[in-house]
Amino acid sequence: MIRGIFQNGAIQPVGPVPDDWTDGQELLIETVEGTPSPQEIQADYALLQRLAADIPPEDHQRIAEAIDEQGREGKEHIRREMGLI
């Protein structure tokens, strides 16, 4: 995703644009709405911390194990796709 700023009637990219873009190429532009303030982010984080504290330790462990298993399965799948195993 490319970010930009609307300034003086034109959209100015904030960073580099992809090399494969050509002059005159049509782009889909969307506005950024509802960007949270730092205070809103802190409040949301505090809420998540409180909610996470209510999760039993066993559930945290099961989630961590499931994430690890997905990682292992994903790596195995890629290795199979590449003919490495």
Protein backbone atom coordinates (compact mmCIF):
# COMPACT_ATOMS: atom_id res chain seq x y z
CA MET A 1 0.00 0.00 0.00
CA ILE A 2 1.29 3.42 -0.91
CA ARG A 3 0.54 6.29 1.43
CA GLY A 4 0.11 9.82 0.19
CA ILE A 5 -1.06 13.29 1.17
CA PHE A 6 -3.53 15.45 -0.74
CA GLN A 7 -1.81 18.82 -1.06
CA ASN A 8 -2.41 21.77 -3.39
CA GLY A 9 -4.94 19.80 -5.42
CA ALA A 10 -2.67 16.81 -6.07
CA ILE A 11 -1.84 13.57 -4.32
CA GLN A 12 1.79 13.45 -3.23
CA PRO A 13 3.26 10.03 -2.32
CA VAL A 14 4.84 9.90 1.12
CA GLY A 15 7.37 7.26 0.08
CA PRO A 16 8.69 5.63 -3.07
CA VAL A 17 6.24 4.24 -5.61
CA PRO A 18 6.67 0.80 -7.23
CA ASP A 19 9.01 0.68 -10.22
CA ASP A 20 6.35 -0.98 -12.38
CA TRP A 21 3.96 1.99 -12.15
CA THR A 22 3.68 3.97 -15.37
CA ASP A 23 2.65 7.57 -16.06
CA GLY A 24 -1.08 7.79 -16.63
CA GLN A 25 -1.79 4.51 -14.85
CA GLU A 26 -5.17 4.53 -13.08
CA LEU A 27 -5.03 4.07 -9.31
CA LEU A 28 -7.67 3.49 -6.67
CA ILE A 29 -7.33 6.09 -3.91
CA GLU A 30 -9.08 5.80 -0.54
CA THR A 31 -9.10 8.20 2.38
CA VAL A 32 -7.87 7.24 5.80
CA GLU A 33 -10.73 7.67 8.22
CA GLY A 34 -10.81 7.40 11.96
CA THR A 35 -7.10 7.30 12.69
CA PRO A 36 -6.98 6.73 16.44
CA SER A 37 -5.30 9.22 18.72
CA PRO A 38 -2.43 8.10 20.98
CA GLN A 39 -4.84 8.25 23.93
CA GLU A 40 -7.31 5.95 22.14
CA ILE A 41 -4.52 3.51 21.34
CA GLN A 42 -3.41 3.49 24.98
CA ALA A 43 -6.99 2.96 26.18
CA ASP A 44 -7.47 0.06 23.74
CA TYR A 45 -4.18 -1.47 24.83
CA ALA A 46 -5.17 -1.19 28.50
CA LEU A 47 -8.49 -2.90 27.72
CA LEU A 48 -6.73 -5.72 25.89
CA GLN A 49 -4.35 -6.17 28.82
CA ARG A 50 -7.29 -6.44 31.24
CA LEU A 51 -9.11 -8.90 28.99
CA ALA A 52 -5.98 -11.00 28.45
CA ALA A 53 -5.45 -11.18 32.21
CA ASP A 54 -8.80 -13.00 32.48
CA ILE A 55 -7.68 -15.78 30.11
CA PRO A 56 -6.56 -18.88 32.00
CA PRO A 57 -2.85 -19.72 31.65
CA GLU A 58 -3.78 -23.08 30.09
CA ASP A 59 -5.51 -21.26 27.24
CA HIS A 60 -2.44 -19.09 26.66
CA GLN A 61 -0.37 -22.27 26.47
CA ARG A 62 -2.80 -23.95 24.04
CA ILE A 63 -2.78 -20.86 21.80
CA ALA A 64 1.04 -20.73 21.81
CA GLU A 65 1.21 -24.44 20.96
CA ALA A 66 -1.32 -24.02 18.13
CA ILE A 67 0.67 -21.11 16.67
CA ASP A 68 3.88 -23.16 16.85
CA GLU A 69 2.16 -26.11 15.15
CA GLN A 70 0.83 -23.89 12.35
CA GLY A 71 4.34 -22.56 11.81
CA ARG A 72 5.78 -26.06 11.59
CA GLU A 73 3.03 -27.20 9.21
CA GLY A 74 3.48 -24.12 7.03
CA LYS A 75 7.23 -24.64 6.76
CA GLU A 76 6.73 -28.32 5.94
CA HIS A 77 4.20 -27.43 3.25
CA ILE A 78 6.58 -24.94 1.63
CA ARG A 79 9.45 -27.44 1.74
CA ARG A 80 7.20 -30.02 0.07
CA GLU A 81 6.14 -27.49 -2.58
CA MET A 82 9.79 -26.70 -3.27
CA GLY A 83 10.70 -30.39 -3.49
CA LEU A 84 13.02 -30.21 -0.51
CA ILE A 85 11.38 -33.14 1.30
